[in-house]
Amino acid sequence: MRGLLGVCPSGNERTRRTLQAEESLREFLRSRYAENRGARRVNEVFTVDFDGNSTPDVDDIIYAGLDDMRHLQRVPLLTEILNNRSAPIYDRYLACLTLVTWGETAGYEALKSAATSVPKTGWTEVSIDRHFSVNDTYGHFLTALDDSSEISEYKGNEIPRISALRALIETADREYLGTKLGYIPGPEDAARSINEIRNTILRGADALTSQGEPSFDLSTQLVDLASTIASTHGIISVELASRVLGITRSPRAITHAVSIAEWVDGEEGEKFGEHLLNIADTDTRELVANKLNEARKA
């Protein structure tokens, strides 16, 4: 896994779950790639590896590119596909995902543009979360941005990477980013995006107050977003999560908030854990208590 997350109280758990996120992205790429390949001819940039061999797994090409500088030969064609409005939507999306993973400015700029565009880009519903049956098209970019952390620095493209990440974070009050939010972005990237995180959570809280939950579990997603800064800005993380949980006491949101109590050091973390026990219903309280006890033993 490239760009492993920084050390924090739950560093091993973050690394494990980040690897799961990469596998989730691989699974998506394989399934959608197979669907599209069966329906029509797919561009060879997605079907031939760097040694000229045909491959059924586009994800292998993408991740091989992180260690093989021959990927640079494909950047112009991928950029052309990305910018070709007559190209199939899936090809354009896949080109952008590849360029982002490879730390290319063209990918970062396209992602930032798509995340901030009104009306929304044509990438809507390229991917549907199989567990919750909601659109998670933008969520895969969290993994791609994390995977590109090292190569973007090598290429001198760290500033556009963070700019794209900040734009993606600011969609979290209206776009489902998947279960990977909460451990991606990692502590360092999250700290560099603290203003976007704070503003997005406050907007989302206002939306919950006025409109209720949208087509996805927004309250839990906002709590997960707050947890990304728990190890670096604990008090702010607790304040933001408390704002959300003051609006809705969703059992899932409360259980996800346990990670904040775990990662925030000292008295503030202890108090927040007690608060979660106080606001949880009977069934959720037992689960929260068990999680808190496990965290204390770790």
Protein backbone atom coordinates (compact mmCIF):
# COMPACT_ATOMS: atom_id res chain seq x y z
CA MET A 1 0.00 0.00 0.00
CA ARG A 2 1.43 3.38 -0.95
CA GLY A 3 1.18 6.46 1.17
CA LEU A 4 0.54 4.66 4.47
CA LEU A 5 -1.18 6.79 7.06
CA GLY A 6 0.70 8.58 9.81
CA VAL A 7 1.09 7.19 13.30
CA CYS A 8 -1.82 7.71 15.67
CA PRO A 9 -3.30 5.79 18.62
CA SER A 10 -5.08 3.46 16.17
CA GLY A 11 -2.41 3.39 13.48
CA ASN A 12 -2.59 -0.36 12.91
CA GLU A 13 -6.36 -0.25 12.55
CA ARG A 14 -6.14 2.67 10.14
CA THR A 15 -3.60 0.79 8.02
CA ARG A 16 -5.73 -2.36 7.98
CA ARG A 17 -8.85 -0.48 6.95
CA THR A 18 -6.95 1.54 4.35
CA LEU A 19 -5.79 -1.71 2.77
CA GLN A 20 -9.43 -2.81 2.76
CA ALA A 21 -10.31 0.42 0.95
CA GLU A 22 -7.72 -0.36 -1.73
CA GLU A 23 -9.20 -3.84 -2.14
CA SER A 24 -12.67 -2.29 -2.41
CA LEU A 25 -11.42 -0.06 -5.21
CA ARG A 26 -9.83 -3.05 -6.93
CA GLU A 27 -13.12 -4.96 -6.69
CA PHE A 28 -15.04 -2.06 -8.21
CA LEU A 29 -12.55 -1.71 -11.06
CA ARG A 30 -12.67 -5.43 -11.85
CA SER A 31 -16.45 -5.68 -11.85
CA ARG A 32 -17.17 -2.53 -13.85
CA TYR A 33 -14.28 -3.19 -16.21
CA ALA A 34 -15.65 -6.67 -16.95
CA GLU A 35 -19.12 -5.24 -17.61
CA ASN A 36 -17.81 -2.65 -20.03
CA ARG A 37 -15.39 -4.99 -21.76
CA GLY A 38 -18.17 -7.46 -22.38
CA ALA A 39 -20.37 -4.78 -23.90
CA ARG A 40 -17.88 -3.09 -26.21
CA ARG A 41 -14.24 -2.64 -27.13
CA VAL A 42 -12.34 -1.00 -24.26
CA ASN A 43 -9.35 1.25 -25.00
CA GLU A 44 -6.07 -0.68 -24.91
CA VAL A 45 -4.68 1.71 -22.32
CA PHE A 46 -6.89 -0.20 -19.86
CA THR A 47 -6.33 -3.72 -21.24
CA VAL A 48 -2.59 -4.04 -21.96
CA ASP A 49 0.07 -4.01 -19.24
CA PHE A 50 3.41 -2.26 -19.43
CA ASP A 51 5.06 -5.31 -21.00
CA GLY A 52 2.52 -5.42 -23.82
CA ASN A 53 0.53 -8.35 -22.44
CA SER A 54 -3.25 -8.41 -22.41
CA THR A 55 -4.67 -8.37 -18.89
CA PRO A 56 -8.23 -8.79 -17.60
CA ASP A 57 -7.54 -6.66 -14.51
CA VAL A 58 -7.30 -2.92 -15.06
CA ASP A 59 -6.54 -2.47 -11.36
CA ASP A 60 -3.26 -4.34 -11.84
CA ILE A 61 -2.25 -1.80 -14.49
CA ILE A 62 -3.16 1.13 -12.26
CA TYR A 63 -1.28 -0.11 -9.20
CA ALA A 64 1.69 -1.35 -11.23
CA GLY A 65 2.07 2.21 -12.47
CA LEU A 66 2.98 3.39 -8.98
CA ASP A 67 6.21 1.38 -9.23
CA ASP A 68 6.81 1.55 -12.99
CA MET A 69 7.66 4.89 -14.55
CA ARG A 70 6.57 3.56 -17.94
CA HIS A 71 3.15 4.74 -16.83
CA LEU A 72 4.24 8.20 -17.97
CA GLN A 73 3.92 7.02 -21.59
CA ARG A 74 0.18 6.58 -21.03
CA VAL A 75 -0.51 9.92 -19.38
CA PRO A 76 -1.11 11.86 -22.64
CA LEU A 77 -3.65 9.31 -23.92
CA LEU A 78 -5.42 9.11 -20.56
CA THR A 79 -5.60 12.90 -20.45
CA GLU A 80 -7.05 12.90 -23.96
CA ILE A 81 -9.73 10.36 -22.96
CA LEU A 82 -10.51 12.35 -19.81
CA ASN A 83 -11.04 15.57 -21.77
CA ASN A 84 -12.99 13.96 -24.62
CA ARG A 85 -16.64 14.72 -23.87
CA SER A 86 -17.78 12.26 -26.53
CA ALA A 87 -15.90 9.36 -24.88
CA PRO A 88 -17.93 6.90 -22.76
CA ILE A 89 -18.50 8.19 -19.23
CA TYR A 90 -16.92 5.12 -17.67
CA ASP A 91 -13.74 5.54 -19.73
CA ARG A 92 -13.46 9.19 -18.69
CA TYR A 93 -14.06 8.30 -15.06
CA LEU A 94 -11.50 5.48 -15.20
CA ALA A 95 -8.98 7.76 -16.90
CA CYS A 96 -9.40 10.33 -14.12
CA LEU A 97 -9.13 7.67 -11.40
CA THR A 98 -5.92 6.38 -13.00
CA LEU A 99 -4.37 9.82 -13.37
CA VAL A 100 -5.21 10.67 -9.76
CA THR A 101 -3.65 7.43 -8.53
CA TRP A 102 -0.53 8.18 -10.57
CA GLY A 103 -0.20 11.63 -9.05
CA GLU A 104 -0.89 13.56 -12.24
CA THR A 105 -2.02 17.18 -12.19
CA ALA A 106 -4.54 16.53 -14.98
CA GLY A 107 -6.35 14.03 -12.77
CA TYR A 108 -6.31 16.28 -9.72
CA GLU A 109 -7.62 19.26 -11.66
CA ALA A 110 -10.40 17.20 -13.27
CA LEU A 111 -11.44 15.80 -9.89
CA LYS A 112 -11.47 19.26 -8.34
CA SER A 113 -13.54 20.59 -11.24
CA ALA A 114 -16.00 17.70 -11.00
CA ALA A 115 -16.34 18.07 -7.23
CA THR A 116 -17.08 21.79 -7.46
CA SER A 117 -19.18 21.82 -10.65
CA VAL A 118 -22.81 22.88 -10.70
CA PRO A 119 -24.69 21.10 -12.12
CA LYS A 120 -22.93 17.89 -11.15
CA THR A 121 -20.62 16.12 -13.55
CA GLY A 122 -21.83 13.25 -15.71
CA TRP A 123 -19.99 10.84 -13.41
CA THR A 124 -23.06 10.37 -11.25
CA GLU A 125 -23.83 6.74 -10.47
CA VAL A 126 -20.82 5.24 -12.22
CA SER A 127 -20.48 3.21 -9.01
CA ILE A 128 -23.20 2.04 -6.61
CA ASP A 129 -22.33 0.85 -3.10
CA ARG A 130 -23.43 -2.77 -2.94
CA HIS A 131 -24.21 -2.66 0.80
CA PHE A 132 -26.34 0.49 0.95
CA SER A 133 -27.43 0.77 -2.71
CA VAL A 134 -26.38 4.42 -2.94
CA ASN A 135 -24.12 6.25 -5.36
CA ASP A 136 -20.48 6.10 -4.17
CA THR A 137 -18.85 7.32 -7.37
CA TYR A 138 -16.76 9.97 -5.65
CA GLY A 139 -15.77 7.76 -2.73
CA HIS A 140 -13.25 5.80 -4.80
CA PHE A 141 -11.26 8.98 -5.27
CA LEU A 142 -10.48 9.03 -1.54
CA THR A 143 -8.51 5.82 -2.01
CA ALA A 144 -6.86 7.11 -5.20
CA LEU A 145 -5.80 10.35 -3.49
CA ASP A 146 -4.34 8.43 -0.57
CA ASP A 147 -2.53 5.99 -2.86
CA SER A 148 -0.96 8.89 -4.75
CA SER A 149 0.51 10.64 -1.71
CA GLU A 150 4.07 9.45 -2.28
CA ILE A 151 4.18 9.63 -6.07
CA SER A 152 2.62 13.11 -6.10
CA GLU A 153 5.37 14.34 -3.82
CA TYR A 154 7.97 12.73 -6.09
CA LYS A 155 6.44 14.50 -9.10
CA GLY A 156 6.11 17.81 -7.30
CA ASN A 157 2.32 17.63 -7.44
CA GLU A 158 1.52 17.60 -3.72
CA ILE A 159 -0.19 21.00 -3.77
CA PRO A 160 -2.74 20.04 -6.48
CA ARG A 161 -3.31 16.71 -4.66
CA ILE A 162 -4.27 18.47 -1.44
CA SER A 163 -6.36 20.97 -3.40
CA ALA A 164 -8.30 18.09 -4.99
CA LEU A 165 -8.68 16.39 -1.60
CA ARG A 166 -10.09 19.56 -0.07
CA ALA A 167 -12.60 19.90 -2.91
CA LEU A 168 -13.64 16.26 -2.45
CA ILE A 169 -14.06 16.71 1.30
CA GLU A 170 -16.39 19.63 0.64
CA THR A 171 -18.78 17.28 -1.17
CA ALA A 172 -19.27 15.17 1.96
CA ASP A 173 -22.43 17.02 3.00
CA ARG A 174 -24.14 16.07 -0.28
CA GLU A 175 -22.27 13.08 -1.78
CA TYR A 176 -21.84 9.64 -0.22
CA LEU A 177 -18.10 8.97 0.07
CA GLY A 178 -18.34 5.43 1.40
CA THR A 179 -17.28 3.68 4.58
CA LYS A 180 -13.62 4.53 3.97
CA LEU A 181 -14.20 8.08 5.22
CA GLY A 182 -12.92 8.22 8.77
CA TYR A 183 -9.53 6.64 8.08
CA ILE A 184 -8.94 8.26 4.70
CA PRO A 185 -7.77 11.00 4.67
CA GLY A 186 -5.10 10.18 7.22
CA PRO A 187 -4.18 12.50 10.10
CA GLU A 188 -1.66 14.64 8.19
CA ASP A 189 -3.88 15.20 5.15
CA ALA A 190 -6.90 15.81 7.37
CA ALA A 191 -5.03 18.39 9.43
CA ARG A 192 -4.12 20.22 6.21
CA SER A 193 -7.82 20.24 5.29
CA ILE A 194 -9.24 21.24 8.68
CA ASN A 195 -11.10 24.30 7.41
CA GLU A 196 -12.89 22.28 4.72
CA ILE A 197 -13.69 19.55 7.25
CA ARG A 198 -15.15 22.03 9.74
CA ASN A 199 -17.18 23.94 7.14
CA THR A 200 -18.53 20.76 5.55
CA ILE A 201 -19.66 19.31 8.87
CA LEU A 202 -21.37 22.55 9.86
CA ARG A 203 -23.17 22.72 6.49
CA GLY A 204 -24.18 19.10 6.84
CA ALA A 205 -25.48 19.68 10.36
CA ASP A 206 -27.59 22.57 9.11
CA ALA A 207 -28.95 20.33 6.34
CA LEU A 208 -29.83 17.62 8.86
CA THR A 209 -31.70 20.19 10.93
CA SER A 210 -33.70 21.58 8.03
CA GLN A 211 -34.09 18.56 5.75
CA GLY A 212 -33.28 15.41 7.71
CA GLU A 213 -31.22 12.53 6.34
CA PRO A 214 -30.79 12.49 2.53
CA SER A 215 -30.58 9.29 0.48
CA PHE A 216 -27.57 8.16 2.51
CA ASP A 217 -26.53 8.15 6.18
CA LEU A 218 -25.27 11.73 6.36
CA SER A 219 -25.05 11.91 10.15
CA THR A 220 -22.64 8.97 10.30
CA GLN A 221 -20.61 10.33 7.39
CA LEU A 222 -20.20 13.68 9.18
CA VAL A 223 -19.11 11.92 12.38
CA ASP A 224 -16.61 9.89 10.35
CA LEU A 225 -15.30 13.13 8.82
CA ALA A 226 -14.90 14.63 12.29
CA SER A 227 -12.93 11.56 13.36
CA THR A 228 -10.24 12.21 10.74
CA ILE A 229 -8.91 15.11 12.84
CA ALA A 230 -9.36 13.43 16.23
CA SER A 231 -5.67 12.64 16.72
CA THR A 232 -4.47 16.10 15.66
CA HIS A 233 -7.29 18.48 16.67
CA GLY A 234 -9.13 16.56 19.36
CA ILE A 235 -11.22 19.35 20.85
CA ILE A 236 -12.46 20.50 17.45
CA SER A 237 -13.24 16.90 16.48
CA VAL A 238 -15.32 16.42 19.63
CA GLU A 239 -17.14 19.73 19.13
CA LEU A 240 -18.05 18.92 15.51
CA ALA A 241 -19.21 15.38 16.29
CA SER A 242 -21.23 16.66 19.25
CA ARG A 243 -22.92 19.17 16.96
CA VAL A 244 -24.08 16.34 14.70
CA LEU A 245 -25.12 14.05 17.55
CA GLY A 246 -27.08 16.92 19.09
CA ILE A 247 -29.31 16.81 16.01
CA THR A 248 -29.65 13.07 15.55
CA ARG A 249 -28.81 10.25 17.91
CA SER A 250 -28.48 7.60 15.26
CA PRO A 251 -27.12 4.37 16.79
CA ARG A 252 -24.73 3.96 13.85
CA ALA A 253 -23.42 7.52 14.18
CA ILE A 254 -22.93 7.08 17.92
CA THR A 255 -20.99 3.84 17.51
CA HIS A 256 -18.79 5.41 14.83
CA ALA A 257 -18.11 8.32 17.21
CA VAL A 258 -16.41 5.91 19.61
CA SER A 259 -13.29 6.19 17.45
CA ILE A 260 -13.10 9.88 18.37
CA ALA A 261 -13.20 9.07 22.09
CA GLU A 262 -10.45 6.54 21.44
CA TRP A 263 -8.16 8.85 19.44
CA VAL A 264 -8.58 12.05 21.49
CA ASP A 265 -6.04 12.03 24.30
CA GLY A 266 -6.69 12.75 27.94
CA GLU A 267 -9.72 14.05 29.76
CA GLU A 268 -11.45 15.34 26.62
CA GLY A 269 -11.57 11.85 25.13
CA GLU A 270 -12.79 10.34 28.40
CA LYS A 271 -15.58 12.91 28.71
CA PHE A 272 -16.70 12.35 25.14
CA GLY A 273 -16.84 8.59 25.72
CA GLU A 274 -19.05 9.17 28.76
CA HIS A 275 -21.25 11.49 26.70
CA LEU A 276 -21.74 8.77 24.08
CA LEU A 277 -22.82 6.32 26.79
CA ASN A 278 -25.31 8.86 28.11
CA ILE A 279 -27.00 9.58 24.78
CA ALA A 280 -27.03 6.00 23.46
CA ASP A 281 -30.14 3.84 23.69
CA THR A 282 -29.98 0.61 25.68
CA ASP A 283 -28.79 -1.67 22.88
CA THR A 284 -26.29 0.84 21.52
CA ARG A 285 -24.96 1.65 25.00
CA GLU A 286 -23.74 -1.90 25.46
CA LEU A 287 -21.95 -1.83 22.12
CA VAL A 288 -20.37 1.55 22.87
CA ALA A 289 -19.24 0.35 26.32
CA ASN A 290 -17.59 -2.72 24.81
CA LYS A 291 -15.78 -0.63 22.19
CA LEU A 292 -14.56 1.85 24.80
CA ASN A 293 -13.32 -0.97 27.02
CA GLU A 294 -11.46 -2.56 24.11
CA ALA A 295 -9.85 0.79 23.32
CA ARG A 296 -8.67 1.21 26.94
CA LYS A 297 -7.05 -2.25 26.89
CA ALA A 298 -5.27 -1.63 23.58
